[in-house]
Amino acid sequence: MSEPATVALTAALIIVIAVLAAACAGKLSRLNGATYPTALIQSAAAFTAVLTLAAAVTTALTPYLR
């Protein structure tokens, strides 16, 4: 598989995982009695955390991939 295709598929997978984590965080917040704005803030925080973690792991593993 070509390198651009691998990068694109990996980025798409990370975004899908981030959206799923955000949806779960929002749903759990709502089930816990949070208001809709609070649940949305929790969802946004989870989405950002997953993307930040993915960027940190990518940065840490970059020297070993080349």
Protein backbone atom coordinates (compact mmCIF):
# COMPACT_ATOMS: atom_id res chain seq x y z
CA MET A 1 0.00 0.00 0.00
CA SER A 2 1.32 3.45 -0.83
CA GLU A 3 2.37 5.80 1.93
CA PRO A 4 -0.23 8.55 1.24
CA ALA A 5 -3.01 5.97 1.35
CA THR A 6 -1.73 4.60 4.63
CA VAL A 7 -1.58 8.07 6.15
CA ALA A 8 -5.09 8.91 4.95
CA LEU A 9 -6.58 5.66 6.25
CA THR A 10 -4.84 6.04 9.59
CA ALA A 11 -6.07 9.63 9.95
CA ALA A 12 -9.61 8.54 9.11
CA LEU A 13 -9.45 5.74 11.68
CA ILE A 14 -8.22 8.11 14.38
CA ILE A 15 -11.04 10.56 13.63
CA VAL A 16 -13.64 7.79 13.77
CA ILE A 17 -12.28 6.61 17.12
CA ALA A 18 -12.29 10.20 18.42
CA VAL A 19 -15.92 10.69 17.35
CA LEU A 20 -16.94 7.42 19.01
CA ALA A 21 -15.18 8.40 22.24
CA ALA A 22 -16.87 11.82 22.16
CA ALA A 23 -20.29 10.27 21.60
CA CYS A 24 -19.78 7.86 24.48
CA ALA A 25 -18.60 10.65 26.78
CA GLY A 26 -21.59 12.80 25.89
CA LYS A 27 -24.04 9.95 26.41
CA LEU A 28 -22.51 9.01 29.74
CA SER A 29 -22.63 12.65 30.86
CA ARG A 30 -26.27 12.86 29.89
CA LEU A 31 -27.09 9.62 31.71
CA ASN A 32 -25.37 11.04 34.77
CA GLY A 33 -27.80 13.97 34.78
CA ALA A 34 -25.72 16.64 33.08
CA THR A 35 -27.40 19.32 31.00
CA TYR A 36 -26.99 19.33 27.22
CA PRO A 37 -24.37 22.12 27.20
CA THR A 38 -22.34 20.33 29.87
CA ALA A 39 -22.56 17.03 27.99
CA LEU A 40 -21.42 18.80 24.82
CA ILE A 41 -18.43 20.24 26.66
CA GLN A 42 -17.56 16.76 27.95
CA SER A 43 -17.84 15.40 24.41
CA ALA A 44 -15.56 18.10 23.04
CA ALA A 45 -13.01 17.42 25.78
CA ALA A 46 -13.01 13.69 25.00
CA PHE A 47 -12.64 14.35 21.26
CA THR A 48 -9.72 16.69 21.89
CA ALA A 49 -8.10 14.26 24.31
CA VAL A 50 -8.17 11.42 21.78
CA LEU A 51 -6.67 13.59 19.05
CA THR A 52 -4.00 14.88 21.43
CA LEU A 53 -3.12 11.35 22.51
CA ALA A 54 -2.88 10.23 18.89
CA ALA A 55 -0.58 13.15 18.09
CA ALA A 56 1.62 12.39 21.11
CA VAL A 57 1.91 8.71 20.20
CA THR A 58 2.70 9.59 16.60
CA THR A 59 5.39 12.03 17.71
CA ALA A 60 6.90 9.47 20.07
CA LEU A 61 6.96 6.70 17.45
CA THR A 62 8.18 8.78 14.50
CA PRO A 63 11.91 8.12 15.08
CA TYR A 64 11.29 4.37 14.96
CA LEU A 65 9.27 4.40 11.73
CA ARG A 66 12.00 5.72 9.45
